[in-house]
Amino acid sequence: FVAGFVTAIVDLSIPLFIGRITGYVSHAKSD
């Protein structure tokens, strides 16, 4: 039960990471 819950939370973090990285790149003022 606990392993399934943690697995779902970790998998859910992947699209959030993609969104954050996209935000970092789009707001970057330099290379």
Full PDB file with SEQRES, HELIX, SHEET, SSBOND, CRYST1, ORIGX, SCALE, CONECT and MASTER records, all heavy atoms in Angstrom:
SEQRES   1 A   31  PHE VAL ALA GLY PHE VAL THR ALA ILE VAL ASP LEU SER          
SEQRES   2 A   31  ILE PRO LEU PHE ILE GLY ARG ILE THR GLY TYR VAL SER          
SEQRES   3 A   31  HIS ALA LYS SER ASP                                          
HELIX    1 AA1 VAL A    2  HIS A   27  1                                  26    
CRYST1    1.000    1.000    1.000  90.00  90.00  90.00 P 1           1          
ORIGX1      1.000000  0.000000  0.000000        0.00000                         
ORIGX2      0.000000  1.000000  0.000000        0.00000                         
ORIGX3      0.000000  0.000000  1.000000        0.00000                         
SCALE1      1.000000  0.000000  0.000000        0.00000                         
SCALE2      0.000000  1.000000  0.000000        0.00000                         
SCALE3      0.000000  0.000000  1.000000        0.00000                         
ATOM      1  N   PHE A   1       0.830  -1.197   0.000  1.00  0.00           N  
ATOM      2  CA  PHE A   1       0.000   0.000   0.000  1.00  0.00           C  
ATOM      3  C   PHE A   1       0.871   1.256   0.000  1.00  0.00           C  
ATOM      4  O   PHE A   1       0.668   2.181  -0.798  1.00  0.00           O  
ATOM      5  CB  PHE A   1      -0.917  -0.025   1.221  1.00  0.00           C  
ATOM      6  CG  PHE A   1      -1.926   1.074   1.275  1.00  0.00           C  
ATOM      7  CD1 PHE A   1      -3.135   0.970   0.613  1.00  0.00           C  
ATOM      8  CD2 PHE A   1      -1.673   2.224   2.007  1.00  0.00           C  
ATOM      9  CE1 PHE A   1      -4.066   1.992   0.666  1.00  0.00           C  
ATOM     10  CE2 PHE A   1      -2.607   3.245   2.072  1.00  0.00           C  
ATOM     11  CZ  PHE A   1      -3.798   3.127   1.402  1.00  0.00           C  
ATOM     12  N   VAL A   2       1.871   1.292   0.877  1.00  0.00           N  
ATOM     13  CA  VAL A   2       2.761   2.449   0.971  1.00  0.00           C  
ATOM     14  C   VAL A   2       3.601   2.580  -0.289  1.00  0.00           C  
ATOM     15  O   VAL A   2       3.793   3.690  -0.812  1.00  0.00           O  
ATOM     16  CB  VAL A   2       3.649   2.326   2.223  1.00  0.00           C  
ATOM     17  CG1 VAL A   2       4.701   3.430   2.256  1.00  0.00           C  
ATOM     18  CG2 VAL A   2       2.796   2.370   3.486  1.00  0.00           C  
ATOM     19  N   ALA A   3       4.118   1.440  -0.789  1.00  0.00           N  
ATOM     20  CA  ALA A   3       4.942   1.484  -2.006  1.00  0.00           C  
ATOM     21  C   ALA A   3       4.151   2.005  -3.196  1.00  0.00           C  
ATOM     22  O   ALA A   3       4.668   2.779  -4.010  1.00  0.00           O  
ATOM     23  CB  ALA A   3       5.498   0.094  -2.307  1.00  0.00           C  
ATOM     24  N   GLY A   4       2.884   1.601  -3.318  1.00  0.00           N  
ATOM     25  CA  GLY A   4       2.048   2.102  -4.406  1.00  0.00           C  
ATOM     26  C   GLY A   4       1.795   3.592  -4.308  1.00  0.00           C  
ATOM     27  O   GLY A   4       1.777   4.308  -5.323  1.00  0.00           O  
ATOM     28  N   PHE A   5       1.607   4.081  -3.071  1.00  0.00           N  
ATOM     29  CA  PHE A   5       1.377   5.510  -2.865  1.00  0.00           C  
ATOM     30  C   PHE A   5       2.618   6.324  -3.239  1.00  0.00           C  
ATOM     31  O   PHE A   5       2.534   7.317  -3.965  1.00  0.00           O  
ATOM     32  CB  PHE A   5       0.999   5.767  -1.411  1.00  0.00           C  
ATOM     33  CG  PHE A   5       0.868   7.217  -1.059  1.00  0.00           C  
ATOM     34  CD1 PHE A   5      -0.254   7.939  -1.421  1.00  0.00           C  
ATOM     35  CD2 PHE A   5       1.874   7.869  -0.359  1.00  0.00           C  
ATOM     36  CE1 PHE A   5      -0.381   9.285  -1.107  1.00  0.00           C  
ATOM     37  CE2 PHE A   5       1.765   9.209  -0.037  1.00  0.00           C  
ATOM     38  CZ  PHE A   5       0.641   9.918  -0.410  1.00  0.00           C  
ATOM     39  N   VAL A   6       3.790   5.888  -2.760  1.00  0.00           N  
ATOM     40  CA  VAL A   6       5.025   6.613  -3.051  1.00  0.00           C  
ATOM     41  C   VAL A   6       5.333   6.559  -4.547  1.00  0.00           C  
ATOM     42  O   VAL A   6       5.792   7.549  -5.137  1.00  0.00           O  
ATOM     43  CB  VAL A   6       6.186   6.034  -2.224  1.00  0.00           C  
ATOM     44  CG1 VAL A   6       7.497   6.734  -2.581  1.00  0.00           C  
ATOM     45  CG2 VAL A   6       5.904   6.181  -0.738  1.00  0.00           C  
ATOM     46  N   THR A   7       5.085   5.415  -5.183  1.00  0.00           N  
ATOM     47  CA  THR A   7       5.313   5.291  -6.622  1.00  0.00           C  
ATOM     48  C   THR A   7       4.473   6.284  -7.405  1.00  0.00           C  
ATOM     49  O   THR A   7       4.952   6.932  -8.343  1.00  0.00           O  
ATOM     50  CB  THR A   7       5.003   3.861  -7.088  1.00  0.00           C  
ATOM     51  OG1 THR A   7       5.841   2.941  -6.395  1.00  0.00           O  
ATOM     52  CG2 THR A   7       5.233   3.713  -8.587  1.00  0.00           C  
ATOM     53  N   ALA A   8       3.203   6.415  -7.022  1.00  0.00           N  
ATOM     54  CA  ALA A   8       2.324   7.362  -7.715  1.00  0.00           C  
ATOM     55  C   ALA A   8       2.787   8.797  -7.526  1.00  0.00           C  
ATOM     56  O   ALA A   8       2.772   9.596  -8.472  1.00  0.00           O  
ATOM     57  CB  ALA A   8       0.893   7.194  -7.210  1.00  0.00           C  
ATOM     58  N   ILE A   9       3.228   9.142  -6.316  1.00  0.00           N  
ATOM     59  CA  ILE A   9       3.684  10.513  -6.053  1.00  0.00           C  
ATOM     60  C   ILE A   9       4.953  10.820  -6.852  1.00  0.00           C  
ATOM     61  O   ILE A   9       5.090  11.904  -7.443  1.00  0.00           O  
ATOM     62  CB  ILE A   9       3.932  10.713  -4.549  1.00  0.00           C  
ATOM     63  CG1 ILE A   9       2.613  10.577  -3.773  1.00  0.00           C  
ATOM     64  CG2 ILE A   9       4.553  12.072  -4.284  1.00  0.00           C  
ATOM     65  CD1 ILE A   9       1.548  11.568  -4.151  1.00  0.00           C  
ATOM     66  N   VAL A  10       5.891   9.868  -6.893  1.00  0.00           N  
ATOM     67  CA  VAL A  10       7.133  10.086  -7.644  1.00  0.00           C  
ATOM     68  C   VAL A  10       6.847  10.201  -9.132  1.00  0.00           C  
ATOM     69  O   VAL A  10       7.410  11.067  -9.819  1.00  0.00           O  
ATOM     70  CB  VAL A  10       8.128   8.943  -7.360  1.00  0.00           C  
ATOM     71  CG1 VAL A  10       9.338   9.050  -8.279  1.00  0.00           C  
ATOM     72  CG2 VAL A  10       8.576   8.976  -5.906  1.00  0.00           C  
ATOM     73  N   ASP A  11       5.973   9.357  -9.664  1.00  0.00           N  
ATOM     74  CA  ASP A  11       5.630   9.448 -11.084  1.00  0.00           C  
ATOM     75  C   ASP A  11       4.916  10.763 -11.397  1.00  0.00           C  
ATOM     76  O   ASP A  11       5.074  11.314 -12.496  1.00  0.00           O  
ATOM     77  CB  ASP A  11       4.749   8.265 -11.490  1.00  0.00           C  
ATOM     78  CG  ASP A  11       5.524   6.957 -11.545  1.00  0.00           C  
ATOM     79  OD1 ASP A  11       6.768   7.005 -11.514  1.00  0.00           O  
ATOM     80  OD2 ASP A  11       4.886   5.889 -11.606  1.00  0.00           O  
ATOM     81  N   LEU A  12       4.127  11.223 -10.453  1.00  0.00           N  
ATOM     82  CA  LEU A  12       3.427  12.488 -10.662  1.00  0.00           C  
ATOM     83  C   LEU A  12       4.393  13.667 -10.714  1.00  0.00           C  
ATOM     84  O   LEU A  12       4.098  14.685 -11.343  1.00  0.00           O  
ATOM     85  CB  LEU A  12       2.400  12.695  -9.542  1.00  0.00           C  
ATOM     86  CG  LEU A  12       1.550  13.966  -9.595  1.00  0.00           C  
ATOM     87  CD1 LEU A  12       0.666  13.948 -10.835  1.00  0.00           C  
ATOM     88  CD2 LEU A  12       0.704  14.091  -8.337  1.00  0.00           C  
ATOM     89  N   SER A  13       5.539  13.533 -10.078  1.00  0.00           N  
ATOM     90  CA  SER A  13       6.491  14.639 -10.046  1.00  0.00           C  
ATOM     91  C   SER A  13       7.162  14.888 -11.396  1.00  0.00           C  
ATOM     92  O   SER A  13       7.671  15.982 -11.648  1.00  0.00           O  
ATOM     93  CB  SER A  13       7.572  14.370  -8.994  1.00  0.00           C  
ATOM     94  OG  SER A  13       8.367  13.254  -9.359  1.00  0.00           O  
ATOM     95  N   ILE A  14       7.156  13.892 -12.278  1.00  0.00           N  
ATOM     96  CA  ILE A  14       7.860  14.041 -13.556  1.00  0.00           C  
ATOM     97  C   ILE A  14       7.268  15.158 -14.421  1.00  0.00           C  
ATOM     98  O   ILE A  14       8.008  16.032 -14.897  1.00  0.00           O  
ATOM     99  CB  ILE A  14       7.882  12.693 -14.312  1.00  0.00           C  
ATOM    100  CG1 ILE A  14       8.715  11.675 -13.531  1.00  0.00           C  
ATOM    101  CG2 ILE A  14       8.437  12.864 -15.723  1.00  0.00           C  
ATOM    102  CD1 ILE A  14       8.752  10.306 -14.153  1.00  0.00           C  
ATOM    103  N   PRO A  15       5.942  15.183 -14.665  1.00  0.00           N  
ATOM    104  CA  PRO A  15       5.417  16.325 -15.443  1.00  0.00           C  
ATOM    105  C   PRO A  15       5.609  17.658 -14.731  1.00  0.00           C  
ATOM    106  O   PRO A  15       5.743  18.699 -15.397  1.00  0.00           O  
ATOM    107  CB  PRO A  15       3.926  15.978 -15.629  1.00  0.00           C  
ATOM    108  CG  PRO A  15       3.619  14.962 -14.587  1.00  0.00           C  
ATOM    109  CD  PRO A  15       4.875  14.200 -14.394  1.00  0.00           C  
ATOM    110  N   LEU A  16       5.631  17.653 -13.396  1.00  0.00           N  
ATOM    111  CA  LEU A  16       5.897  18.899 -12.677  1.00  0.00           C  
ATOM    112  C   LEU A  16       7.331  19.371 -12.929  1.00  0.00           C  
ATOM    113  O   LEU A  16       7.583  20.569 -13.097  1.00  0.00           O  
ATOM    114  CB  LEU A  16       5.670  18.701 -11.179  1.00  0.00           C  
ATOM    115  CG  LEU A  16       4.248  18.359 -10.740  1.00  0.00           C  
ATOM    116  CD1 LEU A  16       4.179  18.199  -9.230  1.00  0.00           C  
ATOM    117  CD2 LEU A  16       3.275  19.432 -11.202  1.00  0.00           C  
ATOM    118  N   PHE A  17       8.258  18.420 -12.939  1.00  0.00           N  
ATOM    119  CA  PHE A  17       9.649  18.767 -13.228  1.00  0.00           C  
ATOM    120  C   PHE A  17       9.781  19.341 -14.635  1.00  0.00           C  
ATOM    121  O   PHE A  17      10.523  20.307 -14.853  1.00  0.00           O  
ATOM    122  CB  PHE A  17      10.541  17.535 -13.080  1.00  0.00           C  
ATOM    123  CG  PHE A  17      10.669  17.044 -11.668  1.00  0.00           C  
ATOM    124  CD1 PHE A  17      11.159  15.773 -11.403  1.00  0.00           C  
ATOM    125  CD2 PHE A  17      10.298  17.846 -10.599  1.00  0.00           C  
ATOM    126  CE1 PHE A  17      11.279  15.309 -10.102  1.00  0.00           C  
ATOM    127  CE2 PHE A  17      10.413  17.390  -9.287  1.00  0.00           C  
ATOM    128  CZ  PHE A  17      10.904  16.116  -9.052  1.00  0.00           C  
ATOM    129  N   ILE A  18       9.082  18.728 -15.595  1.00  0.00           N  
ATOM    130  CA  ILE A  18       9.133  19.229 -16.968  1.00  0.00           C  
ATOM    131  C   ILE A  18       8.617  20.668 -17.030  1.00  0.00           C  
ATOM    132  O   ILE A  18       9.187  21.530 -17.713  1.00  0.00           O  
ATOM    133  CB  ILE A  18       8.318  18.318 -17.901  1.00  0.00           C  
ATOM    134  CG1 ILE A  18       8.952  16.921 -17.958  1.00  0.00           C  
ATOM    135  CG2 ILE A  18       8.217  18.911 -19.304  1.00  0.00           C  
ATOM    136  CD1 ILE A  18       8.135  15.915 -18.737  1.00  0.00           C  
ATOM    137  N   GLY A  19       7.531  20.941 -16.310  1.00  0.00           N  
ATOM    138  CA  GLY A  19       6.987  22.294 -16.285  1.00  0.00           C  
ATOM    139  C   GLY A  19       7.950  23.284 -15.663  1.00  0.00           C  
ATOM    140  O   GLY A  19       8.113  24.412 -16.157  1.00  0.00           O  
ATOM    141  N   ARG A  20       8.619  22.882 -14.571  1.00  0.00           N  
ATOM    142  CA  ARG A  20       9.565  23.786 -13.923  1.00  0.00           C  
ATOM    143  C   ARG A  20      10.774  24.069 -14.825  1.00  0.00           C  
ATOM    144  O   ARG A  20      11.233  25.215 -14.924  1.00  0.00           O  
ATOM    145  CB  ARG A  20      10.031  23.199 -12.592  1.00  0.00           C  
ATOM    146  CG  ARG A  20       8.978  23.287 -11.497  1.00  0.00           C  
ATOM    147  CD  ARG A  20       9.539  22.881 -10.150  1.00  0.00           C  
ATOM    148  NE  ARG A  20       8.554  23.046  -9.100  1.00  0.00           N  
ATOM    149  CZ  ARG A  20       8.324  24.168  -8.452  1.00  0.00           C  
ATOM    150  NH1 ARG A  20       9.024  25.256  -8.768  1.00  0.00           N  
ATOM    151  NH2 ARG A  20       7.415  24.238  -7.499  1.00  0.00           N  
ATOM    152  N   ILE A  21      11.301  23.022 -15.466  1.00  0.00           N  
ATOM    153  CA  ILE A  21      12.443  23.229 -16.349  1.00  0.00           C  
ATOM    154  C   ILE A  21      12.066  24.133 -17.523  1.00  0.00           C  
ATOM    155  O   ILE A  21      12.836  25.018 -17.924  1.00  0.00           O  
ATOM    156  CB  ILE A  21      12.974  21.871 -16.853  1.00  0.00           C  
ATOM    157  CG1 ILE A  21      13.569  21.080 -15.688  1.00  0.00           C  
ATOM    158  CG2 ILE A  21      14.016  22.070 -17.945  1.00  0.00           C  
ATOM    159  CD1 ILE A  21      13.987  19.672 -16.046  1.00  0.00           C  
ATOM    160  N   THR A  22      10.866  23.931 -18.059  1.00  0.00           N  
ATOM    161  CA  THR A  22      10.394  24.810 -19.133  1.00  0.00           C  
ATOM    162  C   THR A  22      10.290  26.244 -18.652  1.00  0.00           C  
ATOM    163  O   THR A  22      10.647  27.195 -19.372  1.00  0.00           O  
ATOM    164  CB  THR A  22       9.029  24.334 -19.647  1.00  0.00           C  
ATOM    165  OG1 THR A  22       9.124  22.967 -20.069  1.00  0.00           O  
ATOM    166  CG2 THR A  22       8.550  25.182 -20.809  1.00  0.00           C  
ATOM    167  N   GLY A  23       9.817  26.431 -17.422  1.00  0.00           N  
ATOM    168  CA  GLY A  23       9.743  27.775 -16.856  1.00  0.00           C  
ATOM    169  C   GLY A  23      11.110  28.400 -16.651  1.00  0.00           C  
ATOM    170  O   GLY A  23      11.309  29.595 -16.921  1.00  0.00           O  
ATOM    171  N   TYR A  24      12.082  27.603 -16.172  1.00  0.00           N  
ATOM    172  CA  TYR A  24      13.439  28.122 -15.993  1.00  0.00           C  
ATOM    173  C   TYR A  24      14.023  28.596 -17.316  1.00  0.00           C  
ATOM    174  O   TYR A  24      14.630  29.674 -17.403  1.00  0.00           O  
ATOM    175  CB  TYR A  24      14.346  27.038 -15.402  1.00  0.00           C  
ATOM    176  CG  TYR A  24      13.996  26.628 -13.991  1.00  0.00           C  
ATOM    177  CD1 TYR A  24      14.375  25.382 -13.498  1.00  0.00           C  
ATOM    178  CD2 TYR A  24      13.291  27.481 -13.152  1.00  0.00           C  
ATOM    179  CE1 TYR A  24      14.060  24.999 -12.213  1.00  0.00           C  
ATOM    180  CE2 TYR A  24      12.961  27.104 -11.864  1.00  0.00           C  
ATOM    181  CZ  TYR A  24      13.348  25.858 -11.395  1.00  0.00           C  
ATOM    182  OH  TYR A  24      13.030  25.480 -10.127  1.00  0.00           O  
ATOM    183  N   VAL A  25      13.858  27.769 -18.366  1.00  0.00           N  
ATOM    184  CA  VAL A  25      14.440  28.106 -19.672  1.00  0.00           C  
ATOM    185  C   VAL A  25      13.754  29.332 -20.276  1.00  0.00           C  
ATOM    186  O   VAL A  25      14.404  30.216 -20.847  1.00  0.00           O  
ATOM    187  CB  VAL A  25      14.337  26.891 -20.620  1.00  0.00           C  
ATOM    188  CG1 VAL A  25      14.786  27.267 -22.025  1.00  0.00           C  
ATOM    189  CG2 VAL A  25      15.166  25.731 -20.089  1.00  0.00           C  
ATOM    190  N   SER A  26      12.423  29.406 -20.146  1.00  0.00           N  
ATOM    191  CA  SER A  26      11.694  30.513 -20.763  1.00  0.00           C  
ATOM    192  C   SER A  26      11.953  31.849 -20.072  1.00  0.00           C  
ATOM    193  O   SER A  26      11.865  32.900 -20.707  1.00  0.00           O  
ATOM    194  CB  SER A  26      10.188  30.217 -20.758  1.00  0.00           C  
ATOM    195  OG  SER A  26       9.715  30.098 -19.421  1.00  0.00           O  
ATOM    196  N   HIS A  27      12.306  31.801 -18.757  1.00  0.00           N  
ATOM    197  CA  HIS A  27      12.559  33.039 -18.020  1.00  0.00           C  
ATOM    198  C   HIS A  27      14.049  33.369 -17.919  1.00  0.00           C  
ATOM    199  O   HIS A  27      14.413  34.369 -17.292  1.00  0.00           O  
ATOM    200  CB  HIS A  27      11.969  32.957 -16.616  1.00  0.00           C  
ATOM    201  CG  HIS A  27      10.475  32.993 -16.589  1.00  0.00           C  
ATOM    202  ND1 HIS A  27       9.694  31.864 -16.670  1.00  0.00           N  
ATOM    203  CD2 HIS A  27       9.599  34.039 -16.512  1.00  0.00           C  
ATOM    204  CE1 HIS A  27       8.412  32.198 -16.622  1.00  0.00           C  
ATOM    205  NE2 HIS A  27       8.323  33.509 -16.541  1.00  0.00           N  
ATOM    206  N   ALA A  28      14.900  32.515 -18.454  1.00  0.00           N  
ATOM    207  CA  ALA A  28      16.338  32.761 -18.349  1.00  0.00           C  
ATOM    208  C   ALA A  28      16.724  34.014 -19.144  1.00  0.00           C  
ATOM    209  O   ALA A  28      16.317  34.178 -20.292  1.00  0.00           O  
ATOM    210  CB  ALA A  28      17.115  31.553 -18.858  1.00  0.00           C  
ATOM    211  N   LYS A  29      17.518  34.897 -18.513  1.00  0.00           N  
ATOM    212  CA  LYS A  29      17.942  36.130 -19.160  1.00  0.00           C  
ATOM    213  C   LYS A  29      19.272  35.969 -19.898  1.00  0.00           C  
ATOM    214  O   LYS A  29      19.710  36.873 -20.585  1.00  0.00           O  
ATOM    215  CB  LYS A  29      18.058  37.246 -18.117  1.00  0.00           C  
ATOM    216  CG  LYS A  29      16.732  37.572 -17.451  1.00  0.00           C  
ATOM    217  CD  LYS A  29      16.896  38.687 -16.442  1.00  0.00           C  
ATOM    218  CE  LYS A  29      15.556  39.005 -15.774  1.00  0.00           C  
ATOM    219  NZ  LYS A  29      15.683  40.084 -14.755  1.00  0.00           N  
ATOM    220  N   SER A  30      19.926  34.835 -19.687  1.00  0.00           N  
ATOM    221  CA  SER A  30      21.190  34.572 -20.379  1.00  0.00           C  
ATOM    222  C   SER A  30      21.257  33.088 -20.725  1.00  0.00           C  
ATOM    223  O   SER A  30      20.309  32.342 -20.511  1.00  0.00           O  
ATOM    224  CB  SER A  30      22.382  34.977 -19.495  1.00  0.00           C  
ATOM    225  OG  SER A  30      22.381  34.196 -18.295  1.00  0.00           O  
ATOM    226  N   ASP A  31      22.402  32.679 -21.261  1.00  0.00           N  
ATOM    227  CA  ASP A  31      22.560  31.278 -21.636  1.00  0.00           C  
ATOM    228  C   ASP A  31      22.732  30.377 -20.423  1.00  0.00           C  
ATOM    229  O   ASP A  31      22.569  29.157 -20.525  1.00  0.00           O  
ATOM    230  CB  ASP A  31      23.775  31.106 -22.563  1.00  0.00           C  
ATOM    231  CG  ASP A  31      23.565  31.810 -23.900  1.00  0.00           C  
ATOM    232  OD1 ASP A  31      22.382  32.022 -24.247  1.00  0.00           O  
ATOM    233  OD2 ASP A  31      24.555  32.145 -24.568  1.00  0.00           O  
TER     234      ASP A  31                                                      
MASTER        0    0    0    1    0    0    0    6  233    1    0    3          
END                                                                             
